[in-house]
Amino acid sequence: MEVSMTSIDRVVPLLVYEDLSAAHDFLVEAFGFESAGVYRNEEGKTFHAEVRAGMTPIWLHRVAAEHEVGSPLRGAAESSGLVVFVDDVDQHFRRAAAAGAPSGARPRPVR
């Protein structure tokens, strides 16, 4: 039996945070992502936020037991990551460091 594959139109990275509003603001300030919105319910609680890297949306998801989405802070290792290509890696690193972003090592060019 042959199974046909559906073509993939796009992939949207999803990052999990306990405080979506703070994460959104940090990603915009520290890394220069473009804000694509912070969405709140009637009680004012943030349920979704989004940033963009060029044409790529990045969804920020809340910790939600009903969706089986837990906090990456509870794990022993990193649970996700992004590779971001920028024009000036040193300037980007300085901006992120000034905003308090942790870094294990200085950036290096990709060849």
PDB file of N, CA and C in Angstrom:
ATOM      1  N   MET A   1       0.836  -1.171   0.000  1.00  0.00           N
ATOM      2  CA  MET A   1       0.000   0.000   0.000  1.00  0.00           C
ATOM      3  C   MET A   1       0.887   1.242   0.000  1.00  0.00           C
ATOM      4  N   GLU A   2       0.713   2.078  -0.982  1.00  0.00           N
ATOM      5  CA  GLU A   2       1.505   3.299  -1.073  1.00  0.00           C
ATOM      6  C   GLU A   2       0.776   4.449  -0.383  1.00  0.00           C
ATOM      7  N   VAL A   3       1.514   5.166   0.448  1.00  0.00           N
ATOM      8  CA  VAL A   3       0.945   6.306   1.159  1.00  0.00           C
ATOM      9  C   VAL A   3       1.515   7.573   0.546  1.00  0.00           C
ATOM     10  N   SER A   4       0.641   8.463   0.121  1.00  0.00           N
ATOM     11  CA  SER A   4       1.143   9.715  -0.442  1.00  0.00           C
ATOM     12  C   SER A   4       1.389  10.712   0.686  1.00  0.00           C
ATOM     13  N   MET A   5       2.441  11.479   0.538  1.00  0.00           N
ATOM     14  CA  MET A   5       2.794  12.471   1.542  1.00  0.00           C
ATOM     15  C   MET A   5       2.140  13.798   1.191  1.00  0.00           C
ATOM     16  N   THR A   6       1.689  14.474   2.198  1.00  0.00           N
ATOM     17  CA  THR A   6       1.179  15.823   2.022  1.00  0.00           C
ATOM     18  C   THR A   6       2.366  16.764   2.009  1.00  0.00           C
ATOM     19  N   SER A   7       2.369  17.698   1.087  1.00  0.00           N
ATOM     20  CA  SER A   7       3.491  18.639   1.063  1.00  0.00           C
ATOM     21  C   SER A   7       3.396  19.573   2.266  1.00  0.00           C
ATOM     22  N   ILE A   8       4.528  19.948   2.768  1.00  0.00           N
ATOM     23  CA  ILE A   8       4.589  20.841   3.922  1.00  0.00           C
ATOM     24  C   ILE A   8       4.728  22.260   3.400  1.00  0.00           C
ATOM     25  N   ASP A   9       3.786  23.101   3.785  1.00  0.00           N
ATOM     26  CA  ASP A   9       3.783  24.486   3.328  1.00  0.00           C
ATOM     27  C   ASP A   9       4.746  25.345   4.142  1.00  0.00           C
ATOM     28  N   ARG A  10       4.736  25.164   5.470  1.00  0.00           N
ATOM     29  CA  ARG A  10       5.629  25.917   6.343  1.00  0.00           C
ATOM     30  C   ARG A  10       5.685  25.264   7.709  1.00  0.00           C
ATOM     31  N   VAL A  11       6.675  25.647   8.471  1.00  0.00           N
ATOM     32  CA  VAL A  11       6.840  25.178   9.844  1.00  0.00           C
ATOM     33  C   VAL A  11       6.887  26.417  10.725  1.00  0.00           C
ATOM     34  N   VAL A  12       6.153  26.385  11.830  1.00  0.00           N
ATOM     35  CA  VAL A  12       6.144  27.508  12.764  1.00  0.00           C
ATOM     36  C   VAL A  12       6.782  27.046  14.072  1.00  0.00           C
ATOM     37  N   PRO A  13       7.918  27.629  14.456  1.00  0.00           N
ATOM     38  CA  PRO A  13       8.503  27.290  15.754  1.00  0.00           C
ATOM     39  C   PRO A  13       7.555  27.702  16.880  1.00  0.00           C
ATOM     40  N   LEU A  14       7.516  26.898  17.925  1.00  0.00           N
ATOM     41  CA  LEU A  14       6.681  27.179  19.089  1.00  0.00           C
ATOM     42  C   LEU A  14       7.560  27.088  20.319  1.00  0.00           C
ATOM     43  N   LEU A  15       7.604  28.157  21.088  1.00  0.00           N
ATOM     44  CA  LEU A  15       8.402  28.201  22.305  1.00  0.00           C
ATOM     45  C   LEU A  15       7.471  28.339  23.496  1.00  0.00           C
ATOM     46  N   VAL A  16       7.766  27.626  24.577  1.00  0.00           N
ATOM     47  CA  VAL A  16       6.906  27.616  25.762  1.00  0.00           C
ATOM     48  C   VAL A  16       7.510  28.502  26.847  1.00  0.00           C
ATOM     49  N   TYR A  17       6.664  29.349  27.410  1.00  0.00           N
ATOM     50  CA  TYR A  17       7.082  30.254  28.484  1.00  0.00           C
ATOM     51  C   TYR A  17       6.016  30.298  29.564  1.00  0.00           C
ATOM     52  N   GLU A  18       6.440  30.516  30.790  1.00  0.00           N
ATOM     53  CA  GLU A  18       5.487  30.672  31.888  1.00  0.00           C
ATOM     54  C   GLU A  18       4.847  32.055  31.865  1.00  0.00           C
ATOM     55  N   ASP A  19       5.572  33.072  31.428  1.00  0.00           N
ATOM     56  CA  ASP A  19       5.049  34.439  31.359  1.00  0.00           C
ATOM     57  C   ASP A  19       5.171  34.914  29.911  1.00  0.00           C
ATOM     58  N   LEU A  20       4.092  34.767  29.159  1.00  0.00           N
ATOM     59  CA  LEU A  20       4.128  35.085  27.731  1.00  0.00           C
ATOM     60  C   LEU A  20       4.412  36.556  27.454  1.00  0.00           C
ATOM     61  N   SER A  21       3.790  37.435  28.204  1.00  0.00           N
ATOM     62  CA  SER A  21       3.995  38.868  27.969  1.00  0.00           C
ATOM     63  C   SER A  21       5.450  39.258  28.189  1.00  0.00           C
ATOM     64  N   ALA A  22       6.036  38.786  29.278  1.00  0.00           N
ATOM     65  CA  ALA A  22       7.440  39.095  29.569  1.00  0.00           C
ATOM     66  C   ALA A  22       8.358  38.475  28.518  1.00  0.00           C
ATOM     67  N   ALA A  23       8.074  37.249  28.103  1.00  0.00           N
ATOM     68  CA  ALA A  23       8.893  36.587  27.084  1.00  0.00           C
ATOM     69  C   ALA A  23       8.820  37.353  25.766  1.00  0.00           C
ATOM     70  N   HIS A  24       7.623  37.732  25.375  1.00  0.00           N
ATOM     71  CA  HIS A  24       7.427  38.503  24.147  1.00  0.00           C
ATOM     72  C   HIS A  24       8.263  39.781  24.181  1.00  0.00           C
ATOM     73  N   ASP A  25       8.123  40.542  25.255  1.00  0.00           N
ATOM     74  CA  ASP A  25       8.835  41.813  25.359  1.00  0.00           C
ATOM     75  C   ASP A  25      10.347  41.607  25.362  1.00  0.00           C
ATOM     76  N   PHE A  26      10.817  40.561  26.039  1.00  0.00           N
ATOM     77  CA  PHE A  26      12.246  40.265  26.086  1.00  0.00           C
ATOM     78  C   PHE A  26      12.773  39.906  24.697  1.00  0.00           C
ATOM     79  N   LEU A  27      12.059  39.060  23.961  1.00  0.00           N
ATOM     80  CA  LEU A  27      12.508  38.656  22.627  1.00  0.00           C
ATOM     81  C   LEU A  27      12.575  39.850  21.675  1.00  0.00           C
ATOM     82  N   VAL A  28      11.628  40.755  21.803  1.00  0.00           N
ATOM     83  CA  VAL A  28      11.631  41.961  20.968  1.00  0.00           C
ATOM     84  C   VAL A  28      12.799  42.871  21.352  1.00  0.00           C
ATOM     85  N   GLU A  29      12.979  43.100  22.658  1.00  0.00           N
ATOM     86  CA  GLU A  29      14.036  44.009  23.118  1.00  0.00           C
ATOM     87  C   GLU A  29      15.430  43.424  22.931  1.00  0.00           C
ATOM     88  N   ALA A  30      15.622  42.186  23.362  1.00  0.00           N
ATOM     89  CA  ALA A  30      16.966  41.603  23.382  1.00  0.00           C
ATOM     90  C   ALA A  30      17.449  41.162  22.011  1.00  0.00           C
ATOM     91  N   PHE A  31      16.557  40.621  21.197  1.00  0.00           N
ATOM     92  CA  PHE A  31      16.986  40.019  19.940  1.00  0.00           C
ATOM     93  C   PHE A  31      16.465  40.730  18.697  1.00  0.00           C
ATOM     94  N   GLY A  32      15.622  41.734  18.886  1.00  0.00           N
ATOM     95  CA  GLY A  32      15.154  42.498  17.742  1.00  0.00           C
ATOM     96  C   GLY A  32      14.078  41.831  16.918  1.00  0.00           C
ATOM     97  N   PHE A  33      13.411  40.809  17.475  1.00  0.00           N
ATOM     98  CA  PHE A  33      12.286  40.228  16.752  1.00  0.00           C
ATOM     99  C   PHE A  33      11.189  41.279  16.632  1.00  0.00           C
ATOM    100  N   GLU A  34      10.372  41.172  15.608  1.00  0.00           N
ATOM    101  CA  GLU A  34       9.245  42.079  15.435  1.00  0.00           C
ATOM    102  C   GLU A  34       8.047  41.530  16.202  1.00  0.00           C
ATOM    103  N   SER A  35       7.353  42.388  16.907  1.00  0.00           N
ATOM    104  CA  SER A  35       6.149  41.962  17.613  1.00  0.00           C
ATOM    105  C   SER A  35       5.060  41.634  16.604  1.00  0.00           C
ATOM    106  N   ALA A  36       4.399  40.504  16.810  1.00  0.00           N
ATOM    107  CA  ALA A  36       3.251  40.137  15.976  1.00  0.00           C
ATOM    108  C   ALA A  36       2.005  40.000  16.840  1.00  0.00           C
ATOM    109  N   GLY A  37       2.076  40.478  18.076  1.00  0.00           N
ATOM    110  CA  GLY A  37       0.882  40.535  18.906  1.00  0.00           C
ATOM    111  C   GLY A  37       0.973  39.774  20.207  1.00  0.00           C
ATOM    112  N   VAL A  38       0.239  40.299  21.177  1.00  0.00           N
ATOM    113  CA  VAL A  38       0.032  39.650  22.472  1.00  0.00           C
ATOM    114  C   VAL A  38      -1.477  39.584  22.643  1.00  0.00           C
ATOM    115  N   TYR A  39      -2.012  38.384  22.841  1.00  0.00           N
ATOM    116  CA  TYR A  39      -3.457  38.181  22.877  1.00  0.00           C
ATOM    117  C   TYR A  39      -3.901  37.817  24.286  1.00  0.00           C
ATOM    118  N   ARG A  40      -4.907  38.549  24.764  1.00  0.00           N
ATOM    119  CA  ARG A  40      -5.408  38.352  26.127  1.00  0.00           C
ATOM    120  C   ARG A  40      -6.886  37.984  26.092  1.00  0.00           C
ATOM    121  N   ASN A  41      -7.314  37.227  27.099  1.00  0.00           N
ATOM    122  CA  ASN A  41      -8.729  36.879  27.215  1.00  0.00           C
ATOM    123  C   ASN A  41      -9.485  38.008  27.912  1.00  0.00           C
ATOM    124  N   GLU A  42     -10.759  37.781  28.186  1.00  0.00           N
ATOM    125  CA  GLU A  42     -11.605  38.808  28.802  1.00  0.00           C
ATOM    126  C   GLU A  42     -11.096  39.250  30.168  1.00  0.00           C
ATOM    127  N   GLU A  43     -10.410  38.360  30.877  1.00  0.00           N
ATOM    128  CA  GLU A  43      -9.862  38.694  32.199  1.00  0.00           C
ATOM    129  C   GLU A  43      -8.509  39.395  32.105  1.00  0.00           C
ATOM    130  N   GLY A  44      -8.008  39.576  30.895  1.00  0.00           N
ATOM    131  CA  GLY A  44      -6.723  40.237  30.716  1.00  0.00           C
ATOM    132  C   GLY A  44      -5.524  39.306  30.781  1.00  0.00           C
ATOM    133  N   LYS A  45      -5.763  38.001  30.875  1.00  0.00           N
ATOM    134  CA  LYS A  45      -4.665  37.030  30.955  1.00  0.00           C
ATOM    135  C   LYS A  45      -4.178  36.683  29.540  1.00  0.00           C
ATOM    136  N   THR A  46      -2.867  36.743  29.359  1.00  0.00           N
ATOM    137  CA  THR A  46      -2.288  36.433  28.052  1.00  0.00           C
ATOM    138  C   THR A  46      -2.401  34.939  27.774  1.00  0.00           C
ATOM    139  N   PHE A  47      -2.968  34.594  26.611  1.00  0.00           N
ATOM    140  CA  PHE A  47      -3.085  33.182  26.238  1.00  0.00           C
ATOM    141  C   PHE A  47      -2.242  32.835  25.011  1.00  0.00           C
ATOM    142  N   HIS A  48      -1.765  33.847  24.282  1.00  0.00           N
ATOM    143  CA  HIS A  48      -0.921  33.603  23.114  1.00  0.00           C
ATOM    144  C   HIS A  48      -0.145  34.879  22.814  1.00  0.00           C
ATOM    145  N   ALA A  49       1.081  34.707  22.359  1.00  0.00           N
ATOM    146  CA  ALA A  49       1.873  35.841  21.891  1.00  0.00           C
ATOM    147  C   ALA A  49       2.679  35.359  20.692  1.00  0.00           C
ATOM    148  N   GLU A  50       3.119  36.310  19.906  1.00  0.00           N
ATOM    149  CA  GLU A  50       3.821  35.940  18.685  1.00  0.00           C
ATOM    150  C   GLU A  50       4.831  37.019  18.324  1.00  0.00           C
ATOM    151  N   VAL A  51       5.989  36.560  17.850  1.00  0.00           N
ATOM    152  CA  VAL A  51       6.995  37.458  17.297  1.00  0.00           C
ATOM    153  C   VAL A  51       7.317  36.961  15.892  1.00  0.00           C
ATOM    154  N   ARG A  52       8.010  37.783  15.132  1.00  0.00           N
ATOM    155  CA  ARG A  52       8.387  37.397  13.772  1.00  0.00           C
ATOM    156  C   ARG A  52       9.883  37.621  13.581  1.00  0.00           C
ATOM    157  N   ALA A  53      10.470  36.723  12.827  1.00  0.00           N
ATOM    158  CA  ALA A  53      11.849  36.861  12.366  1.00  0.00           C
ATOM    159  C   ALA A  53      11.761  36.913  10.845  1.00  0.00           C
ATOM    160  N   GLY A  54      11.796  38.111  10.292  1.00  0.00           N
ATOM    161  CA  GLY A  54      11.560  38.241   8.855  1.00  0.00           C
ATOM    162  C   GLY A  54      10.137  37.814   8.552  1.00  0.00           C
ATOM    163  N   MET A  55       9.978  36.843   7.680  1.00  0.00           N
ATOM    164  CA  MET A  55       8.648  36.343   7.318  1.00  0.00           C
ATOM    165  C   MET A  55       8.218  35.150   8.175  1.00  0.00           C
ATOM    166  N   THR A  56       9.057  34.730   9.098  1.00  0.00           N
ATOM    167  CA  THR A  56       8.766  33.542   9.905  1.00  0.00           C
ATOM    168  C   THR A  56       8.122  33.912  11.231  1.00  0.00           C
ATOM    169  N   PRO A  57       6.895  33.424  11.470  1.00  0.00           N
ATOM    170  CA  PRO A  57       6.283  33.645  12.780  1.00  0.00           C
ATOM    171  C   PRO A  57       6.874  32.683  13.803  1.00  0.00           C
ATOM    172  N   ILE A  58       6.951  33.128  15.036  1.00  0.00           N
ATOM    173  CA  ILE A  58       7.359  32.273  16.153  1.00  0.00           C
ATOM    174  C   ILE A  58       6.265  32.404  17.196  1.00  0.00           C
ATOM    175  N   TRP A  59       5.597  31.294  17.468  1.00  0.00           N
ATOM    176  CA  TRP A  59       4.496  31.308  18.426  1.00  0.00           C
ATOM    177  C   TRP A  59       5.031  31.095  19.828  1.00  0.00           C
ATOM    178  N   LEU A  60       4.529  31.885  20.748  1.00  0.00           N
ATOM    179  CA  LEU A  60       4.880  31.744  22.158  1.00  0.00           C
ATOM    180  C   LEU A  60       3.673  31.136  22.852  1.00  0.00           C
ATOM    181  N   HIS A  61       3.856  29.970  23.429  1.00  0.00           N
ATOM    182  CA  HIS A  61       2.756  29.214  24.036  1.00  0.00           C
ATOM    183  C   HIS A  61       2.903  29.215  25.545  1.00  0.00           C
ATOM    184  N   ARG A  62       1.794  29.310  26.213  1.00  0.00           N
ATOM    185  CA  ARG A  62       1.810  29.274  27.675  1.00  0.00           C
ATOM    186  C   ARG A  62       1.945  27.836  28.164  1.00  0.00           C
ATOM    187  N   VAL A  63       2.439  27.683  29.376  1.00  0.00           N
ATOM    188  CA  VAL A  63       2.438  26.382  30.036  1.00  0.00           C
ATOM    189  C   VAL A  63       0.973  26.010  30.215  1.00  0.00           C
ATOM    190  N   ALA A  64       0.584  24.818  29.747  1.00  0.00           N
ATOM    191  CA  ALA A  64      -0.831  24.447  29.777  1.00  0.00           C
ATOM    192  C   ALA A  64      -0.975  22.940  29.939  1.00  0.00           C
ATOM    193  N   ALA A  65      -1.397  22.522  31.122  1.00  0.00           N
ATOM    194  CA  ALA A  65      -1.577  21.094  31.382  1.00  0.00           C
ATOM    195  C   ALA A  65      -2.585  20.480  30.421  1.00  0.00           C
ATOM    196  N   GLU A  66      -3.628  21.245  30.069  1.00  0.00           N
ATOM    197  CA  GLU A  66      -4.657  20.700  29.176  1.00  0.00           C
ATOM    198  C   GLU A  66      -4.125  20.417  27.771  1.00  0.00           C
ATOM    199  N   HIS A  67      -3.009  21.028  27.409  1.00  0.00           N
ATOM    200  CA  HIS A  67      -2.375  20.759  26.116  1.00  0.00           C
ATOM    201  C   HIS A  67      -1.107  19.921  26.279  1.00  0.00           C
ATOM    202  N   GLU A  68      -0.843  19.482  27.509  1.00  0.00           N
ATOM    203  CA  GLU A  68       0.357  18.710  27.841  1.00  0.00           C
ATOM    204  C   GLU A  68       1.626  19.474  27.461  1.00  0.00           C
ATOM    205  N   VAL A  69       1.607  20.780  27.723  1.00  0.00           N
ATOM    206  CA  VAL A  69       2.753  21.636  27.451  1.00  0.00           C
ATOM    207  C   VAL A  69       3.293  22.113  28.789  1.00  0.00           C
ATOM    208  N   GLY A  70       4.474  21.608  29.147  1.00  0.00           N
ATOM    209  CA  GLY A  70       5.067  21.955  30.428  1.00  0.00           C
ATOM    210  C   GLY A  70       6.134  23.020  30.296  1.00  0.00           C
ATOM    211  N   SER A  71       6.594  23.481  31.431  1.00  0.00           N
ATOM    212  CA  SER A  71       7.618  24.515  31.459  1.00  0.00           C
ATOM    213  C   SER A  71       8.988  23.928  31.163  1.00  0.00           C
ATOM    214  N   PRO A  72       9.751  24.558  30.275  1.00  0.00           N
ATOM    215  CA  PRO A  72      11.119  24.098  30.051  1.00  0.00           C
ATOM    216  C   PRO A  72      11.999  24.324  31.275  1.00  0.00           C
ATOM    217  N   LEU A  73      11.552  25.160  32.215  1.00  0.00           N
ATOM    218  CA  LEU A  73      12.318  25.389  33.443  1.00  0.00           C
ATOM    219  C   LEU A  73      12.325  24.159  34.342  1.00  0.00           C
ATOM    220  N   ARG A  74      11.408  23.248  34.138  1.00  0.00           N
ATOM    221  CA  ARG A  74      11.298  22.052  34.974  1.00  0.00           C
ATOM    222  C   ARG A  74      12.201  20.919  34.492  1.00  0.00           C
ATOM    223  N   GLY A  75      12.743  21.054  33.290  1.00  0.00           N
ATOM    224  CA  GLY A  75      13.591  20.011  32.727  1.00  0.00           C
ATOM    225  C   GLY A  75      15.045  20.209  33.114  1.00  0.00           C
ATOM    226  N   ALA A  76      15.840  19.187  32.881  1.00  0.00           N
ATOM    227  CA  ALA A  76      17.253  19.232  33.240  1.00  0.00           C
ATOM    228  C   ALA A  76      18.118  19.793  32.112  1.00  0.00           C
ATOM    229  N   ALA A  77      17.535  19.950  30.923  1.00  0.00           N
ATOM    230  CA  ALA A  77      18.317  20.412  29.780  1.00  0.00           C
ATOM    231  C   ALA A  77      17.484  21.374  28.948  1.00  0.00           C
ATOM    232  N   GLU A  78      18.106  21.951  27.959  1.00  0.00           N
ATOM    233  CA  GLU A  78      17.377  22.838  27.055  1.00  0.00           C
ATOM    234  C   GLU A  78      16.310  22.028  26.330  1.00  0.00           C
ATOM    235  N   SER A  79      15.169  22.642  26.120  1.00  0.00           N
ATOM    236  CA  SER A  79      14.081  21.929  25.461  1.00  0.00           C
ATOM    237  C   SER A  79      13.806  22.445  24.059  1.00  0.00           C
ATOM    238  N   SER A  80      14.422  23.552  23.681  1.00  0.00           N
ATOM    239  CA  SER A  80      14.212  24.089  22.344  1.00  0.00           C
ATOM    240  C   SER A  80      15.309  25.099  22.047  1.00  0.00           C
ATOM    241  N   GLY A  81      15.370  25.509  20.821  1.00  0.00           N
ATOM    242  CA  GLY A  81      16.349  26.508  20.445  1.00  0.00           C
ATOM    243  C   GLY A  81      16.041  27.055  19.070  1.00  0.00           C
ATOM    244  N   LEU A  82      16.661  28.159  18.740  1.00  0.00           N
ATOM    245  CA  LEU A  82      16.509  28.778  17.435  1.00  0.00           C
ATOM    246  C   LEU A  82      17.884  29.130  16.905  1.00  0.00           C
ATOM    247  N   VAL A  83      18.061  28.973  15.626  1.00  0.00           N
ATOM    248  CA  VAL A  83      19.251  29.464  14.955  1.00  0.00           C
ATOM    249  C   VAL A  83      18.797  30.694  14.185  1.00  0.00           C
ATOM    250  N   VAL A  84      19.377  31.833  14.505  1.00  0.00           N
ATOM    251  CA  VAL A  84      18.965  33.098  13.903  1.00  0.00           C
ATOM    252  C   VAL A  84      20.135  33.657  13.103  1.00  0.00           C
ATOM    253  N   PHE A  85      19.913  33.925  11.827  1.00  0.00           N
ATOM    254  CA  PHE A  85      20.944  34.491  10.971  1.00  0.00           C
ATOM    255  C   PHE A  85      20.773  36.007  10.945  1.00  0.00           C
ATOM    256  N   VAL A  86      21.853  36.729  11.230  1.00  0.00           N
ATOM    257  CA  VAL A  86      21.818  38.194  11.284  1.00  0.00           C
ATOM    258  C   VAL A  86      22.965  38.765  10.449  1.00  0.00           C
ATOM    259  N   ASP A  87      22.832  40.032  10.080  1.00  0.00           N
ATOM    260  CA  ASP A  87      23.876  40.686   9.288  1.00  0.00           C
ATOM    261  C   ASP A  87      25.144  40.928  10.092  1.00  0.00           C
ATOM    262  N   ASP A  88      25.001  41.347  11.345  1.00  0.00           N
ATOM    263  CA  ASP A  88      26.149  41.694  12.185  1.00  0.00           C
ATOM    264  C   ASP A  88      26.044  40.942  13.507  1.00  0.00           C
ATOM    265  N   VAL A  89      26.690  39.792  13.591  1.00  0.00           N
ATOM    266  CA  VAL A  89      26.560  38.929  14.762  1.00  0.00           C
ATOM    267  C   VAL A  89      27.103  39.601  16.025  1.00  0.00           C
ATOM    268  N   ASP A  90      28.167  40.372  15.905  1.00  0.00           N
ATOM    269  CA  ASP A  90      28.731  41.025  17.089  1.00  0.00           C
ATOM    270  C   ASP A  90      27.781  42.080  17.649  1.00  0.00           C
ATOM    271  N   GLN A  91      27.178  42.877  16.780  1.00  0.00           N
ATOM    272  CA  GLN A  91      26.218  43.886  17.228  1.00  0.00           C
ATOM    273  C   GLN A  91      25.002  43.210  17.844  1.00  0.00           C
ATOM    274  N   HIS A  92      24.543  42.133  17.229  1.00  0.00           N
ATOM    275  CA  HIS A  92      23.387  41.393  17.744  1.00  0.00           C
ATOM    276  C   HIS A  92      23.704  40.821  19.130  1.00  0.00           C
ATOM    277  N   PHE A  93      24.909  40.286  19.297  1.00  0.00           N
ATOM    278  CA  PHE A  93      25.329  39.739  20.585  1.00  0.00           C
ATOM    279  C   PHE A  93      25.366  40.829  21.653  1.00  0.00           C
ATOM    280  N   ARG A  94      25.926  41.991  21.314  1.00  0.00           N
ATOM    281  CA  ARG A  94      25.988  43.100  22.279  1.00  0.00           C
ATOM    282  C   ARG A  94      24.588  43.539  22.706  1.00  0.00           C
ATOM    283  N   ARG A  95      23.676  43.629  21.760  1.00  0.00           N
ATOM    284  CA  ARG A  95      22.304  44.028  22.073  1.00  0.00           C
ATOM    285  C   ARG A  95      21.655  43.024  23.017  1.00  0.00           C
ATOM    286  N   ALA A  96      21.794  41.741  22.706  1.00  0.00           N
ATOM    287  CA  ALA A  96      21.202  40.697  23.542  1.00  0.00           C
ATOM    288  C   ALA A  96      21.815  40.706  24.939  1.00  0.00           C
ATOM    289  N   ALA A  97      23.135  40.835  25.020  1.00  0.00           N
ATOM    290  CA  ALA A  97      23.808  40.854  26.322  1.00  0.00           C
ATOM    291  C   ALA A  97      23.371  42.060  27.142  1.00  0.00           C
ATOM    292  N   ALA A  98      23.214  43.209  26.497  1.00  0.00           N
ATOM    293  CA  ALA A  98      22.786  44.420  27.200  1.00  0.00           C
ATOM    294  C   ALA A  98      21.383  44.273  27.776  1.00  0.00           C
ATOM    295  N   ALA A  99      20.563  43.441  27.135  1.00  0.00           N
ATOM    296  CA  ALA A  99      19.197  43.210  27.615  1.00  0.00           C
ATOM    297  C   ALA A  99      19.135  42.088  28.647  1.00  0.00           C
ATOM    298  N   GLY A 100      20.286  41.466  28.942  1.00  0.00           N
ATOM    299  CA  GLY A 100      20.325  40.424  29.965  1.00  0.00           C
ATOM    300  C   GLY A 100      20.197  39.006  29.460  1.00  0.00           C
ATOM    301  N   ALA A 101      20.296  38.793  28.159  1.00  0.00           N
ATOM    302  CA  ALA A 101      20.194  37.439  27.608  1.00  0.00           C
ATOM    303  C   ALA A 101      21.429  36.633  27.994  1.00  0.00           C
ATOM    304  N   PRO A 102      21.242  35.426  28.527  1.00  0.00           N
ATOM    305  CA  PRO A 102      22.397  34.598  28.880  1.00  0.00           C
ATOM    306  C   PRO A 102      23.049  34.015  27.627  1.00  0.00           C
ATOM    307  N   SER A 103      24.349  33.810  27.694  1.00  0.00           N
ATOM    308  CA  SER A 103      25.057  33.195  26.583  1.00  0.00           C
ATOM    309  C   SER A 103      26.202  32.376  27.137  1.00  0.00           C
ATOM    310  N   GLY A 104      26.329  31.173  26.648  1.00  0.00           N
ATOM    311  CA  GLY A 104      27.403  30.302  27.097  1.00  0.00           C
ATOM    312  C   GLY A 104      28.725  30.605  26.423  1.00  0.00           C
ATOM    313  N   ALA A 105      28.675  31.231  25.254  1.00  0.00           N
ATOM    314  CA  ALA A 105      29.900  31.519  24.509  1.00  0.00           C
ATOM    315  C   ALA A 105      29.653  32.701  23.584  1.00  0.00           C
ATOM    316  N   ARG A 106      30.738  33.347  23.198  1.00  0.00           N
ATOM    317  CA  ARG A 106      30.612  34.443  22.230  1.00  0.00           C
ATOM    318  C   ARG A 106      30.246  33.850  20.869  1.00  0.00           C
ATOM    319  N   PRO A 107      29.539  34.600  20.058  1.00  0.00           N
ATOM    320  CA  PRO A 107      29.148  34.079  18.739  1.00  0.00           C
ATOM    321  C   PRO A 107      30.345  33.949  17.814  1.00  0.00           C
ATOM    322  N   ARG A 108      30.174  33.113  16.826  1.00  0.00           N
ATOM    323  CA  ARG A 108      31.202  32.966  15.803  1.00  0.00           C
ATOM    324  C   ARG A 108      30.502  32.845  14.450  1.00  0.00           C
ATOM    325  N   PRO A 109      31.161  33.280  13.399  1.00  0.00           N
ATOM    326  CA  PRO A 109      30.528  33.238  12.079  1.00  0.00           C
ATOM    327  C   PRO A 109      30.322  31.801  11.605  1.00  0.00           C
ATOM    328  N   VAL A 110      29.259  31.602  10.853  1.00  0.00           N
ATOM    329  CA  VAL A 110      28.989  30.311  10.214  1.00  0.00           C
ATOM    330  C   VAL A 110      29.539  30.401   8.801  1.00  0.00           C
ATOM    331  N   ARG A 111      30.315  29.425   8.431  1.00  0.00           N
ATOM    332  CA  ARG A 111      30.929  29.457   7.090  1.00  0.00           C
ATOM    333  C   ARG A 111      30.227  28.509   6.170  1.00  0.00           C
TER     334      ARG A 111
END
